[in-house]
Structure formats: C-alpha cells, structure tokens
N, C-alpha and C. Protein backbone atom coordinates (compact mmCIF):
# COMPACT_ATOMS: atom_id res chain seq x y z
N MET A 1 -0.10 2.46 -73.81
CA MET A 1 -0.38 2.36 -72.39
C MET A 1 -1.40 3.41 -71.99
N ALA A 2 -2.36 3.02 -71.19
CA ALA A 2 -3.39 3.94 -70.74
C ALA A 2 -2.90 4.79 -69.57
N ASN A 3 -3.46 5.97 -69.45
CA ASN A 3 -3.12 6.90 -68.39
C ASN A 3 -4.39 7.25 -67.62
N THR A 4 -4.40 7.07 -66.30
CA THR A 4 -5.57 7.39 -65.48
C THR A 4 -5.36 8.71 -64.77
N THR A 5 -6.35 9.60 -64.85
CA THR A 5 -6.32 10.88 -64.16
C THR A 5 -7.66 11.13 -63.49
N ASN A 6 -7.71 12.13 -62.63
CA ASN A 6 -8.94 12.53 -61.95
C ASN A 6 -9.17 14.02 -62.11
N PRO A 7 -9.48 14.48 -63.33
CA PRO A 7 -9.71 15.91 -63.55
C PRO A 7 -10.95 16.41 -62.81
N THR A 8 -10.90 17.66 -62.35
CA THR A 8 -12.04 18.29 -61.69
C THR A 8 -12.76 19.18 -62.70
N LEU A 9 -14.07 18.99 -62.80
CA LEU A 9 -14.89 19.72 -63.76
C LEU A 9 -15.68 20.82 -63.07
N THR A 10 -15.96 21.87 -63.81
CA THR A 10 -16.83 22.96 -63.36
C THR A 10 -18.03 23.02 -64.30
N SER A 11 -18.84 24.06 -64.18
CA SER A 11 -20.02 24.20 -65.03
C SER A 11 -19.68 24.74 -66.43
N SER A 12 -18.42 25.02 -66.70
CA SER A 12 -17.99 25.47 -68.03
C SER A 12 -17.46 24.28 -68.82
N TRP A 13 -17.69 24.29 -70.13
CA TRP A 13 -17.17 23.23 -70.99
C TRP A 13 -15.64 23.20 -70.91
N SER A 14 -15.07 22.00 -70.76
CA SER A 14 -13.62 21.79 -70.74
C SER A 14 -13.28 20.67 -71.71
N LEU A 15 -12.22 20.86 -72.48
CA LEU A 15 -11.74 19.80 -73.37
C LEU A 15 -11.15 18.70 -72.49
N LEU A 16 -11.68 17.50 -72.60
CA LEU A 16 -11.21 16.39 -71.76
C LEU A 16 -10.35 15.41 -72.55
N VAL A 17 -10.77 15.12 -73.79
CA VAL A 17 -10.04 14.16 -74.62
C VAL A 17 -9.85 14.77 -76.01
N PRO A 18 -8.59 14.96 -76.42
CA PRO A 18 -8.35 15.56 -77.73
C PRO A 18 -8.68 14.60 -78.88
N LEU A 19 -8.76 15.15 -80.06
CA LEU A 19 -8.95 14.35 -81.26
C LEU A 19 -7.87 13.27 -81.35
N GLY A 20 -8.24 12.07 -81.75
CA GLY A 20 -7.28 11.00 -81.96
C GLY A 20 -7.01 10.12 -80.76
N SER A 21 -7.53 10.46 -79.59
CA SER A 21 -7.32 9.64 -78.40
C SER A 21 -8.57 8.83 -78.07
N ASP A 22 -8.37 7.67 -77.48
CA ASP A 22 -9.47 6.85 -77.01
C ASP A 22 -9.60 7.06 -75.51
N PHE A 23 -10.76 6.69 -74.93
CA PHE A 23 -10.96 6.98 -73.52
C PHE A 23 -12.05 6.14 -72.88
N LEU A 24 -12.03 6.09 -71.56
CA LEU A 24 -13.09 5.56 -70.71
C LEU A 24 -13.31 6.60 -69.63
N LEU A 25 -14.55 7.06 -69.46
CA LEU A 25 -14.88 8.11 -68.50
C LEU A 25 -15.97 7.61 -67.56
N THR A 26 -15.73 7.73 -66.25
CA THR A 26 -16.73 7.37 -65.24
C THR A 26 -16.74 8.43 -64.14
N LEU A 27 -17.79 8.38 -63.34
CA LEU A 27 -17.88 9.18 -62.12
C LEU A 27 -17.70 8.23 -60.94
N PRO A 28 -16.99 8.64 -59.89
CA PRO A 28 -16.89 7.78 -58.71
C PRO A 28 -18.28 7.50 -58.15
N PHE A 29 -18.50 6.30 -57.62
CA PHE A 29 -19.84 5.95 -57.14
C PHE A 29 -20.29 6.82 -55.98
N SER A 30 -19.36 7.48 -55.30
CA SER A 30 -19.75 8.35 -54.19
C SER A 30 -20.25 9.71 -54.68
N THR A 31 -20.21 9.93 -56.00
CA THR A 31 -20.62 11.21 -56.57
C THR A 31 -22.11 11.19 -56.88
N SER A 32 -22.84 12.12 -56.31
CA SER A 32 -24.29 12.16 -56.55
C SER A 32 -24.66 13.19 -57.62
N THR A 33 -23.68 13.73 -58.29
CA THR A 33 -23.95 14.75 -59.30
C THR A 33 -23.94 14.14 -60.70
N GLU A 34 -24.18 14.98 -61.68
CA GLU A 34 -24.18 14.56 -63.08
C GLU A 34 -23.22 15.44 -63.87
N ILE A 35 -22.71 14.87 -64.96
CA ILE A 35 -21.91 15.65 -65.89
C ILE A 35 -22.54 15.57 -67.27
N GLU A 36 -22.15 16.50 -68.11
CA GLU A 36 -22.62 16.55 -69.48
C GLU A 36 -21.42 16.31 -70.39
N VAL A 37 -21.58 15.45 -71.41
CA VAL A 37 -20.50 15.08 -72.31
C VAL A 37 -20.94 15.34 -73.74
N ALA A 38 -20.08 16.01 -74.53
CA ALA A 38 -20.41 16.29 -75.93
C ALA A 38 -19.13 16.25 -76.77
N THR A 39 -19.28 16.11 -78.08
CA THR A 39 -18.13 16.11 -78.98
C THR A 39 -18.25 17.25 -79.98
N THR A 40 -17.09 17.69 -80.46
CA THR A 40 -17.02 18.67 -81.54
C THR A 40 -15.93 18.21 -82.51
N SER A 41 -15.87 18.84 -83.65
CA SER A 41 -14.85 18.48 -84.64
C SER A 41 -13.55 19.23 -84.42
N SER A 42 -13.45 19.98 -83.32
CA SER A 42 -12.28 20.81 -83.07
C SER A 42 -11.86 20.75 -81.60
N ASP A 43 -10.55 20.77 -81.36
CA ASP A 43 -10.02 20.84 -79.99
C ASP A 43 -10.16 22.25 -79.41
N SER A 44 -10.52 23.23 -80.23
CA SER A 44 -10.54 24.62 -79.75
C SER A 44 -11.92 25.25 -79.70
N VAL A 45 -12.95 24.57 -80.19
CA VAL A 45 -14.30 25.13 -80.19
C VAL A 45 -15.21 24.26 -79.32
N SER A 46 -15.69 24.82 -78.20
CA SER A 46 -16.53 24.05 -77.29
C SER A 46 -17.95 23.89 -77.86
N PRO A 47 -18.70 22.93 -77.34
CA PRO A 47 -20.06 22.68 -77.84
C PRO A 47 -20.99 23.89 -77.64
N THR A 48 -21.94 24.00 -78.53
CA THR A 48 -22.97 25.05 -78.41
C THR A 48 -24.34 24.43 -78.18
N VAL A 49 -24.38 23.12 -77.93
CA VAL A 49 -25.62 22.39 -77.70
C VAL A 49 -25.50 21.61 -76.39
N SER A 50 -26.60 21.06 -75.93
CA SER A 50 -26.57 20.19 -74.76
C SER A 50 -25.90 18.88 -75.10
N GLY A 51 -25.27 18.27 -74.09
CA GLY A 51 -24.59 17.00 -74.30
C GLY A 51 -25.32 15.85 -73.64
N HIS A 52 -24.69 14.68 -73.68
CA HIS A 52 -25.23 13.48 -73.04
C HIS A 52 -25.00 13.57 -71.54
N ILE A 53 -25.97 13.14 -70.73
CA ILE A 53 -25.86 13.21 -69.27
C ILE A 53 -25.30 11.89 -68.75
N LEU A 54 -24.30 12.00 -67.87
CA LEU A 54 -23.68 10.86 -67.22
C LEU A 54 -23.90 11.04 -65.72
N SER A 55 -24.47 10.02 -65.06
CA SER A 55 -24.82 10.11 -63.65
C SER A 55 -23.94 9.21 -62.79
N GLY A 56 -23.40 9.77 -61.71
CA GLY A 56 -22.61 8.98 -60.77
C GLY A 56 -23.46 7.95 -60.04
N ALA A 57 -24.71 8.29 -59.76
CA ALA A 57 -25.61 7.38 -59.06
C ALA A 57 -25.89 6.12 -59.86
N LEU A 58 -25.86 6.23 -61.18
CA LEU A 58 -26.17 5.08 -62.03
C LEU A 58 -24.93 4.31 -62.46
N GLN A 59 -23.72 4.84 -62.18
CA GLN A 59 -22.46 4.19 -62.53
C GLN A 59 -22.36 3.87 -64.02
N GLU A 60 -22.73 4.83 -64.83
CA GLU A 60 -22.66 4.68 -66.27
C GLU A 60 -21.30 5.11 -66.79
N PRO A 61 -20.60 4.26 -67.55
CA PRO A 61 -19.37 4.71 -68.19
C PRO A 61 -19.69 5.26 -69.58
N ILE A 62 -18.79 6.04 -70.12
CA ILE A 62 -18.93 6.48 -71.50
C ILE A 62 -17.56 6.31 -72.16
N THR A 63 -17.56 5.87 -73.41
CA THR A 63 -16.33 5.56 -74.13
C THR A 63 -16.36 6.17 -75.52
N ARG A 64 -15.24 6.11 -76.18
CA ARG A 64 -15.14 6.59 -77.57
C ARG A 64 -16.12 5.83 -78.46
N SER A 65 -16.27 4.52 -78.25
CA SER A 65 -17.16 3.74 -79.12
C SER A 65 -18.62 4.17 -78.97
N LEU A 66 -19.00 4.73 -77.83
CA LEU A 66 -20.37 5.24 -77.65
C LEU A 66 -20.55 6.63 -78.24
N LEU A 67 -19.53 7.47 -78.16
CA LEU A 67 -19.64 8.86 -78.64
C LEU A 67 -19.24 9.05 -80.09
N GLY A 68 -18.33 8.25 -80.57
CA GLY A 68 -17.83 8.43 -81.93
C GLY A 68 -16.64 9.38 -81.97
N LEU A 69 -16.27 9.76 -83.19
CA LEU A 69 -15.10 10.61 -83.39
C LEU A 69 -15.33 12.03 -82.90
N GLY A 70 -14.26 12.74 -82.62
CA GLY A 70 -14.34 14.14 -82.23
C GLY A 70 -13.63 14.42 -80.92
N ALA A 71 -13.44 15.69 -80.67
CA ALA A 71 -12.89 16.13 -79.39
C ALA A 71 -13.99 15.99 -78.33
N VAL A 72 -13.64 15.49 -77.15
CA VAL A 72 -14.62 15.25 -76.10
C VAL A 72 -14.57 16.38 -75.07
N TRP A 73 -15.70 17.02 -74.88
CA TRP A 73 -15.84 18.13 -73.95
C TRP A 73 -16.78 17.71 -72.82
N VAL A 74 -16.53 18.17 -71.61
CA VAL A 74 -17.36 17.84 -70.46
C VAL A 74 -17.58 19.06 -69.57
N ARG A 75 -18.66 19.01 -68.80
CA ARG A 75 -18.92 20.03 -67.78
C ARG A 75 -19.81 19.43 -66.70
N ALA A 76 -19.68 19.95 -65.48
CA ALA A 76 -20.53 19.53 -64.38
C ALA A 76 -21.90 20.20 -64.54
N LYS A 77 -22.95 19.49 -64.21
CA LYS A 77 -24.29 20.08 -64.29
C LYS A 77 -24.46 21.17 -63.24
N LYS A 78 -23.82 20.99 -62.09
CA LYS A 78 -23.79 22.05 -61.06
C LYS A 78 -22.61 21.80 -60.14
N GLY A 79 -22.03 22.88 -59.66
CA GLY A 79 -20.88 22.79 -58.77
C GLY A 79 -19.64 22.27 -59.47
N THR A 80 -18.82 21.54 -58.72
CA THR A 80 -17.63 20.91 -59.28
C THR A 80 -17.68 19.42 -58.97
N VAL A 81 -17.01 18.64 -59.80
CA VAL A 81 -16.97 17.19 -59.59
C VAL A 81 -15.69 16.65 -60.22
N SER A 82 -15.09 15.67 -59.55
CA SER A 82 -13.93 14.97 -60.10
C SER A 82 -14.40 13.71 -60.80
N VAL A 83 -13.78 13.40 -61.93
CA VAL A 83 -14.13 12.22 -62.70
C VAL A 83 -12.94 11.28 -62.77
N VAL A 84 -13.19 10.05 -63.22
CA VAL A 84 -12.12 9.09 -63.43
C VAL A 84 -11.99 8.92 -64.95
N LEU A 85 -10.80 9.23 -65.47
CA LEU A 85 -10.58 9.24 -66.91
C LEU A 85 -9.36 8.39 -67.26
N ASN A 86 -9.55 7.44 -68.16
CA ASN A 86 -8.45 6.69 -68.77
C ASN A 86 -8.36 7.13 -70.21
N THR A 87 -7.17 7.49 -70.67
CA THR A 87 -6.96 7.86 -72.07
C THR A 87 -5.79 7.07 -72.64
N TRP A 88 -5.84 6.84 -73.94
CA TRP A 88 -4.75 6.18 -74.65
C TRP A 88 -4.88 6.48 -76.12
N VAL A 89 -3.77 6.31 -76.83
CA VAL A 89 -3.78 6.49 -78.28
C VAL A 89 -3.80 5.11 -78.91
N PRO A 90 -4.85 4.82 -79.69
CA PRO A 90 -4.99 3.48 -80.28
C PRO A 90 -3.87 3.16 -81.26
C-alpha cells in the first residue's frame, strides 16, 4: 500500500526515500519554486554533486524508474517548499 506525505524541504539535502522503496514525487501546481533531486548508494551520505531539477511550474513528476536505484535525496533551490510524495515497498 502506498503512503502519501507532504514533507517540507529546505536548502539542505534531506533523505526523502530510503534504499529499497519506490516513489512518486511531485510539486503542487501552486508552487513556483524548484527542487533538486539526487541519489546516492547510502542512506547516510548526502550528495556532493548537483541533482536533477524539478519545477512546480512545469508539473514534472519524478519516479524511481527515472532515477534508478539508490537513496533519494532532495533540497529546495531556495527557501522552503512542501512536496507531494507517495512511497511504497515493491
């Protein structure tokens, strides 16, 4: 069963989806900001590179099938923003 949450992101990397979980991540359409999404091979080590940009204005979703395996980390490009996240274990 999938679980929907609305985590709030800041400009610091945060672990959003642990290893082994599947997900769908979107920004609410009323959000005019962007977030950055990246993966690592560890739940405890945040990315040291730039990630993929996801824009609320464009209504782009991102999923496990687009990112591949790994722990999923996210951060707001500026300020704070709430996202829509569905997670489940396949």
